[in-house]
Amino acid sequence: MRRLARTLVALVVAAPSARAQEPSLAAKLDKPTLLAVTAIIDSARAAKLPTKPLNDKALEGAATGADGPKIVAAVRLLSGRMSSARRALSSSASADEITAAVGALEAGVSTRDLARVQAASGKRPVTMPLAVLTDLIGRQVPIPTATTLVLQLVKSAVKDSDLSLYQRNVRADIERGADPSAAATTRARGLTQRGGAGTNRPAQ
């Protein structure tokens, strides 16, 4: 019985370390890199930040052949961005919202504008608005224009389903040769003027 008790205690003590060192990371990273990455992930977990993106970032670095210091730096940078994203949103921001906010930050959106989108959204999740914002910027819509348009759409209470369709329609317009800013602005104007109706059809 004493031996069983000691075994159970050992398992309980070892559990946090085993959980922190994900098996996938242990198989892909050298020991110094694993220890450094695990420390960052543990700190993120203690701060109630999502840890899967950090784990994935480390695995991505390993898959591309990056050396240990570069992997650690990339994971630390991502952790910092997640902290900034949550501060700009709210302490109750979900993992999906934080991930979407990080994508927007990486696209060049400021923390101030993240906070503006959050304020305009109220209790509504900002995952979709931020995903649309990031996509617009990636399609060469200038950051100020893209931010203004998304804020207008959010303030007009355009539904996530209509935001998703808006994103697809703008993409289709651009692929057909339309100017990115003009396409985004025209589609947004239709949604805000009609409350989400009227431009709800896919681009032909």
C-alpha atoms as a PDB file:
ATOM      1  CA  MET A   1       0.000   0.000   0.000  1.00  0.00           C
ATOM      2  CA  ARG A   2       2.854   2.390   0.856  1.00  0.00           C
ATOM      3  CA  ARG A   3       4.472   1.641  -2.509  1.00  0.00           C
ATOM      4  CA  LEU A   4       1.169   2.331  -4.289  1.00  0.00           C
ATOM      5  CA  ALA A   5       0.778   5.602  -2.390  1.00  0.00           C
ATOM      6  CA  ARG A   6       4.311   6.684  -3.363  1.00  0.00           C
ATOM      7  CA  THR A   7       3.572   5.840  -6.982  1.00  0.00           C
ATOM      8  CA  LEU A   8       0.381   7.883  -6.963  1.00  0.00           C
ATOM      9  CA  VAL A   9       2.157  10.868  -5.397  1.00  0.00           C
ATOM     10  CA  ALA A  10       4.901  10.656  -8.020  1.00  0.00           C
ATOM     11  CA  LEU A  11       2.332  10.627 -10.803  1.00  0.00           C
ATOM     12  CA  VAL A  12       0.554  13.668  -9.380  1.00  0.00           C
ATOM     13  CA  VAL A  13       3.828  15.606  -9.024  1.00  0.00           C
ATOM     14  CA  ALA A  14       4.920  14.676 -12.538  1.00  0.00           C
ATOM     15  CA  ALA A  15       1.586  15.499 -14.175  1.00  0.00           C
ATOM     16  CA  PRO A  16       2.131  19.258 -14.702  1.00  0.00           C
ATOM     17  CA  SER A  17       5.551  18.671 -16.253  1.00  0.00           C
ATOM     18  CA  ALA A  18       4.240  15.918 -18.495  1.00  0.00           C
ATOM     19  CA  ARG A  19       1.329  18.110 -19.562  1.00  0.00           C
ATOM     20  CA  ALA A  20       3.624  21.056 -20.247  1.00  0.00           C
ATOM     21  CA  GLN A  21       6.010  19.040 -22.396  1.00  0.00           C
ATOM     22  CA  GLU A  22       3.692  18.000 -25.190  1.00  0.00           C
ATOM     23  CA  PRO A  23       4.754  14.643 -26.679  1.00  0.00           C
ATOM     24  CA  SER A  24       4.789  16.162 -30.162  1.00  0.00           C
ATOM     25  CA  LEU A  25       7.246  18.832 -29.041  1.00  0.00           C
ATOM     26  CA  ALA A  26       9.450  16.377 -27.195  1.00  0.00           C
ATOM     27  CA  ALA A  27       9.779  14.347 -30.368  1.00  0.00           C
ATOM     28  CA  LYS A  28      10.686  17.345 -32.539  1.00  0.00           C
ATOM     29  CA  LEU A  29      12.801  19.685 -30.399  1.00  0.00           C
ATOM     30  CA  ASP A  30      16.225  19.295 -28.845  1.00  0.00           C
ATOM     31  CA  LYS A  31      16.307  19.446 -25.056  1.00  0.00           C
ATOM     32  CA  PRO A  32      17.393  23.103 -24.576  1.00  0.00           C
ATOM     33  CA  THR A  33      14.792  24.281 -27.108  1.00  0.00           C
ATOM     34  CA  LEU A  34      12.119  22.070 -25.552  1.00  0.00           C
ATOM     35  CA  LEU A  35      12.800  23.457 -22.080  1.00  0.00           C
ATOM     36  CA  ALA A  36      12.671  27.064 -23.288  1.00  0.00           C
ATOM     37  CA  VAL A  37       9.495  26.546 -25.318  1.00  0.00           C
ATOM     38  CA  THR A  38       7.850  24.633 -22.469  1.00  0.00           C
ATOM     39  CA  ALA A  39       8.592  27.518 -20.091  1.00  0.00           C
ATOM     40  CA  ILE A  40       6.886  29.973 -22.461  1.00  0.00           C
ATOM     41  CA  ILE A  41       3.890  27.665 -22.855  1.00  0.00           C
ATOM     42  CA  ASP A  42       3.632  27.192 -19.086  1.00  0.00           C
ATOM     43  CA  SER A  43       3.674  30.969 -18.579  1.00  0.00           C
ATOM     44  CA  ALA A  44       0.961  31.398 -21.210  1.00  0.00           C
ATOM     45  CA  ARG A  45      -1.141  28.705 -19.559  1.00  0.00           C
ATOM     46  CA  ALA A  46      -0.764  30.417 -16.178  1.00  0.00           C
ATOM     47  CA  ALA A  47      -1.884  33.679 -17.812  1.00  0.00           C
ATOM     48  CA  LYS A  48      -4.900  31.827 -19.272  1.00  0.00           C
ATOM     49  CA  LEU A  49      -3.748  32.392 -22.836  1.00  0.00           C
ATOM     50  CA  PRO A  50      -4.327  29.744 -25.522  1.00  0.00           C
ATOM     51  CA  THR A  51      -1.341  27.411 -25.727  1.00  0.00           C
ATOM     52  CA  LYS A  52      -2.100  25.455 -28.892  1.00  0.00           C
ATOM     53  CA  PRO A  53      -0.899  28.271 -31.195  1.00  0.00           C
ATOM     54  CA  LEU A  54       2.411  28.311 -29.306  1.00  0.00           C
ATOM     55  CA  ASN A  55       2.756  24.553 -29.622  1.00  0.00           C
ATOM     56  CA  ASP A  56       1.935  24.770 -33.329  1.00  0.00           C
ATOM     57  CA  LYS A  57       4.423  27.623 -33.861  1.00  0.00           C
ATOM     58  CA  ALA A  58       7.213  25.526 -32.353  1.00  0.00           C
ATOM     59  CA  LEU A  59       6.292  22.538 -34.494  1.00  0.00           C
ATOM     60  CA  GLU A  60       6.154  24.764 -37.570  1.00  0.00           C
ATOM     61  CA  GLY A  61       9.674  25.982 -36.847  1.00  0.00           C
ATOM     62  CA  ALA A  62      10.933  22.442 -36.384  1.00  0.00           C
ATOM     63  CA  ALA A  63       9.274  21.336 -39.640  1.00  0.00           C
ATOM     64  CA  THR A  64      10.967  24.117 -41.600  1.00  0.00           C
ATOM     65  CA  GLY A  65      14.380  23.318 -40.134  1.00  0.00           C
ATOM     66  CA  ALA A  66      14.713  26.467 -38.020  1.00  0.00           C
ATOM     67  CA  ASP A  67      17.350  26.312 -35.297  1.00  0.00           C
ATOM     68  CA  GLY A  68      16.503  26.321 -31.603  1.00  0.00           C
ATOM     69  CA  PRO A  69      17.030  30.030 -30.863  1.00  0.00           C
ATOM     70  CA  LYS A  70      14.820  31.040 -33.807  1.00  0.00           C
ATOM     71  CA  ILE A  71      12.062  28.684 -32.681  1.00  0.00           C
ATOM     72  CA  VAL A  72      12.194  30.032 -29.138  1.00  0.00           C
ATOM     73  CA  ALA A  73      12.176  33.636 -30.395  1.00  0.00           C
ATOM     74  CA  ALA A  74       9.166  32.955 -32.644  1.00  0.00           C
ATOM     75  CA  VAL A  75       7.213  31.290 -29.838  1.00  0.00           C
ATOM     76  CA  ARG A  76       8.073  34.123 -27.436  1.00  0.00           C
ATOM     77  CA  LEU A  77       7.005  36.735 -30.001  1.00  0.00           C
ATOM     78  CA  LEU A  78       3.690  34.964 -30.536  1.00  0.00           C
ATOM     79  CA  SER A  79       3.107  34.760 -26.795  1.00  0.00           C
ATOM     80  CA  GLY A  80       3.743  38.494 -26.519  1.00  0.00           C
ATOM     81  CA  ARG A  81       1.304  39.210 -29.322  1.00  0.00           C
ATOM     82  CA  MET A  82      -1.355  37.092 -27.653  1.00  0.00           C
ATOM     83  CA  SER A  83      -0.891  39.067 -24.445  1.00  0.00           C
ATOM     84  CA  SER A  84      -1.203  42.339 -26.375  1.00  0.00           C
ATOM     85  CA  ALA A  85      -4.278  41.023 -28.189  1.00  0.00           C
ATOM     86  CA  ARG A  86      -6.052  40.092 -24.978  1.00  0.00           C
ATOM     87  CA  ARG A  87      -5.255  43.454 -23.380  1.00  0.00           C
ATOM     88  CA  ALA A  88      -6.724  45.191 -26.426  1.00  0.00           C
ATOM     89  CA  LEU A  89      -9.870  43.054 -26.313  1.00  0.00           C
ATOM     90  CA  SER A  90     -10.826  42.024 -22.797  1.00  0.00           C
ATOM     91  CA  SER A  91      -9.772  39.662 -20.061  1.00  0.00           C
ATOM     92  CA  SER A  92     -12.672  37.410 -21.044  1.00  0.00           C
ATOM     93  CA  ALA A  93     -11.667  37.143 -24.728  1.00  0.00           C
ATOM     94  CA  SER A  94     -11.941  33.582 -26.025  1.00  0.00           C
ATOM     95  CA  ALA A  95      -9.089  31.608 -27.544  1.00  0.00           C
ATOM     96  CA  ASP A  96     -10.612  32.091 -31.013  1.00  0.00           C
ATOM     97  CA  GLU A  97     -10.887  35.852 -30.485  1.00  0.00           C
ATOM     98  CA  ILE A  98      -7.281  36.095 -29.305  1.00  0.00           C
ATOM     99  CA  THR A  99      -6.092  34.048 -32.278  1.00  0.00           C
ATOM    100  CA  ALA A 100      -8.033  36.270 -34.685  1.00  0.00           C
ATOM    101  CA  ALA A 101      -6.630  39.377 -32.988  1.00  0.00           C
ATOM    102  CA  VAL A 102      -3.084  38.062 -33.340  1.00  0.00           C
ATOM    103  CA  GLY A 103      -3.700  37.569 -37.063  1.00  0.00           C
ATOM    104  CA  ALA A 104      -4.854  41.187 -37.294  1.00  0.00           C
ATOM    105  CA  LEU A 105      -1.795  42.403 -35.381  1.00  0.00           C
ATOM    106  CA  GLU A 106       0.478  40.468 -37.721  1.00  0.00           C
ATOM    107  CA  ALA A 107      -1.302  42.126 -40.664  1.00  0.00           C
ATOM    108  CA  GLY A 108      -0.446  45.542 -39.241  1.00  0.00           C
ATOM    109  CA  VAL A 109      -3.582  46.455 -37.274  1.00  0.00           C
ATOM    110  CA  SER A 110      -2.820  48.450 -34.136  1.00  0.00           C
ATOM    111  CA  THR A 111      -3.918  47.446 -30.644  1.00  0.00           C
ATOM    112  CA  ARG A 112      -5.914  50.686 -30.580  1.00  0.00           C
ATOM    113  CA  ASP A 113      -7.924  49.577 -33.598  1.00  0.00           C
ATOM    114  CA  LEU A 114      -8.416  46.130 -32.084  1.00  0.00           C
ATOM    115  CA  ALA A 115      -9.912  47.854 -29.055  1.00  0.00           C
ATOM    116  CA  ARG A 116     -12.165  49.943 -31.345  1.00  0.00           C
ATOM    117  CA  VAL A 117     -13.517  46.814 -33.014  1.00  0.00           C
ATOM    118  CA  GLN A 118     -14.101  45.266 -29.594  1.00  0.00           C
ATOM    119  CA  ALA A 119     -15.909  48.359 -28.333  1.00  0.00           C
ATOM    120  CA  ALA A 120     -18.107  48.516 -31.438  1.00  0.00           C
ATOM    121  CA  SER A 121     -18.959  44.822 -31.095  1.00  0.00           C
ATOM    122  CA  GLY A 122     -20.153  45.011 -27.492  1.00  0.00           C
ATOM    123  CA  LYS A 123     -20.837  41.485 -26.251  1.00  0.00           C
ATOM    124  CA  ARG A 124     -20.642  40.026 -29.742  1.00  0.00           C
ATOM    125  CA  PRO A 125     -17.536  37.906 -30.433  1.00  0.00           C
ATOM    126  CA  VAL A 126     -14.997  39.702 -32.624  1.00  0.00           C
ATOM    127  CA  THR A 127     -13.610  36.555 -34.249  1.00  0.00           C
ATOM    128  CA  MET A 128     -15.350  37.022 -37.592  1.00  0.00           C
ATOM    129  CA  PRO A 129     -14.940  40.824 -37.848  1.00  0.00           C
ATOM    130  CA  LEU A 130     -11.214  40.501 -37.186  1.00  0.00           C
ATOM    131  CA  ALA A 131     -10.871  37.621 -39.653  1.00  0.00           C
ATOM    132  CA  VAL A 132     -12.547  39.762 -42.326  1.00  0.00           C
ATOM    133  CA  LEU A 133     -10.317  42.719 -41.443  1.00  0.00           C
ATOM    134  CA  THR A 134      -7.180  40.594 -41.770  1.00  0.00           C
ATOM    135  CA  ASP A 135      -8.358  39.152 -45.073  1.00  0.00           C
ATOM    136  CA  LEU A 136      -9.087  42.594 -46.542  1.00  0.00           C
ATOM    137  CA  ILE A 137      -5.608  43.796 -45.631  1.00  0.00           C
ATOM    138  CA  GLY A 138      -4.104  40.660 -47.143  1.00  0.00           C
ATOM    139  CA  ARG A 139      -5.901  41.544 -50.393  1.00  0.00           C
ATOM    140  CA  GLN A 140      -4.256  44.964 -50.525  1.00  0.00           C
ATOM    141  CA  VAL A 141      -7.033  47.030 -49.014  1.00  0.00           C
ATOM    142  CA  PRO A 142      -5.164  49.734 -47.033  1.00  0.00           C
ATOM    143  CA  ILE A 143      -5.271  49.201 -43.279  1.00  0.00           C
ATOM    144  CA  PRO A 144      -7.146  52.462 -42.488  1.00  0.00           C
ATOM    145  CA  THR A 145      -9.754  51.719 -45.171  1.00  0.00           C
ATOM    146  CA  ALA A 146     -10.195  48.098 -44.104  1.00  0.00           C
ATOM    147  CA  THR A 147     -10.501  49.091 -40.437  1.00  0.00           C
ATOM    148  CA  THR A 148     -13.074  51.791 -41.155  1.00  0.00           C
ATOM    149  CA  LEU A 149     -15.167  49.421 -43.273  1.00  0.00           C
ATOM    150  CA  VAL A 150     -15.173  46.647 -40.693  1.00  0.00           C
ATOM    151  CA  LEU A 151     -16.107  49.120 -37.953  1.00  0.00           C
ATOM    152  CA  GLN A 152     -19.001  50.347 -40.085  1.00  0.00           C
ATOM    153  CA  LEU A 153     -20.201  46.801 -40.674  1.00  0.00           C
ATOM    154  CA  VAL A 154     -19.978  45.907 -36.983  1.00  0.00           C
ATOM    155  CA  LYS A 155     -21.785  49.079 -35.916  1.00  0.00           C
ATOM    156  CA  SER A 156     -24.505  48.260 -38.449  1.00  0.00           C
ATOM    157  CA  ALA A 157     -24.976  44.883 -36.707  1.00  0.00           C
ATOM    158  CA  VAL A 158     -24.195  42.927 -39.873  1.00  0.00           C
ATOM    159  CA  LYS A 159     -24.389  39.228 -38.996  1.00  0.00           C
ATOM    160  CA  ASP A 160     -21.366  36.942 -39.097  1.00  0.00           C
ATOM    161  CA  SER A 161     -22.907  34.966 -41.944  1.00  0.00           C
ATOM    162  CA  ASP A 162     -23.220  38.179 -43.985  1.00  0.00           C
ATOM    163  CA  LEU A 163     -19.685  39.208 -43.036  1.00  0.00           C
ATOM    164  CA  SER A 164     -18.437  35.870 -44.327  1.00  0.00           C
ATOM    165  CA  LEU A 165     -20.340  36.347 -47.582  1.00  0.00           C
ATOM    166  CA  TYR A 166     -19.044  39.914 -47.826  1.00  0.00           C
ATOM    167  CA  GLN A 167     -15.503  38.574 -47.507  1.00  0.00           C
ATOM    168  CA  ARG A 168     -16.079  36.033 -50.287  1.00  0.00           C
ATOM    169  CA  ASN A 169     -17.711  38.582 -52.573  1.00  0.00           C
ATOM    170  CA  VAL A 170     -14.900  41.103 -52.138  1.00  0.00           C
ATOM    171  CA  ARG A 171     -12.397  38.349 -52.867  1.00  0.00           C
ATOM    172  CA  ALA A 172     -14.279  37.400 -56.036  1.00  0.00           C
ATOM    173  CA  ASP A 173     -14.482  41.038 -57.174  1.00  0.00           C
ATOM    174  CA  ILE A 174     -10.736  41.498 -56.690  1.00  0.00           C
ATOM    175  CA  GLU A 175      -9.929  38.266 -58.508  1.00  0.00           C
ATOM    176  CA  ARG A 176     -11.946  39.582 -61.456  1.00  0.00           C
ATOM    177  CA  GLY A 177      -9.778  42.691 -61.552  1.00  0.00           C
ATOM    178  CA  ALA A 178     -11.614  45.188 -59.334  1.00  0.00           C
ATOM    179  CA  ASP A 179      -9.630  47.684 -57.295  1.00  0.00           C
ATOM    180  CA  PRO A 180      -9.401  46.232 -53.755  1.00  0.00           C
ATOM    181  CA  SER A 181     -10.497  49.402 -51.954  1.00  0.00           C
ATOM    182  CA  ALA A 182     -13.333  50.055 -54.385  1.00  0.00           C
ATOM    183  CA  ALA A 183     -14.582  46.472 -54.170  1.00  0.00           C
ATOM    184  CA  ALA A 184     -14.486  46.435 -50.358  1.00  0.00           C
ATOM    185  CA  THR A 185     -16.124  49.847 -50.076  1.00  0.00           C
ATOM    186  CA  THR A 186     -18.903  49.134 -52.574  1.00  0.00           C
ATOM    187  CA  ARG A 187     -19.799  45.807 -50.987  1.00  0.00           C
ATOM    188  CA  ALA A 188     -19.746  47.312 -47.482  1.00  0.00           C
ATOM    189  CA  ARG A 189     -21.942  50.218 -48.550  1.00  0.00           C
ATOM    190  CA  GLY A 190     -24.542  47.795 -49.838  1.00  0.00           C
ATOM    191  CA  LEU A 191     -24.600  45.907 -46.543  1.00  0.00           C
ATOM    192  CA  THR A 192     -24.767  48.943 -44.274  1.00  0.00           C
ATOM    193  CA  GLN A 193     -27.452  50.665 -46.362  1.00  0.00           C
ATOM    194  CA  ARG A 194     -29.652  47.579 -46.527  1.00  0.00           C
ATOM    195  CA  GLY A 195     -28.915  46.158 -43.102  1.00  0.00           C
ATOM    196  CA  GLY A 196     -27.277  43.063 -44.577  1.00  0.00           C
ATOM    197  CA  ALA A 197     -29.876  42.509 -47.271  1.00  0.00           C
ATOM    198  CA  GLY A 198     -29.517  43.121 -50.937  1.00  0.00           C
ATOM    199  CA  THR A 199     -25.837  42.130 -51.225  1.00  0.00           C
ATOM    200  CA  ASN A 200     -26.473  38.766 -49.653  1.00  0.00           C
ATOM    201  CA  ARG A 201     -26.128  36.999 -52.991  1.00  0.00           C
ATOM    202  CA  PRO A 202     -22.788  35.498 -53.993  1.00  0.00           C
ATOM    203  CA  ALA A 203     -20.881  37.343 -56.690  1.00  0.00           C
ATOM    204  CA  GLN A 204     -21.654  36.000 -60.135  1.00  0.00           C
END
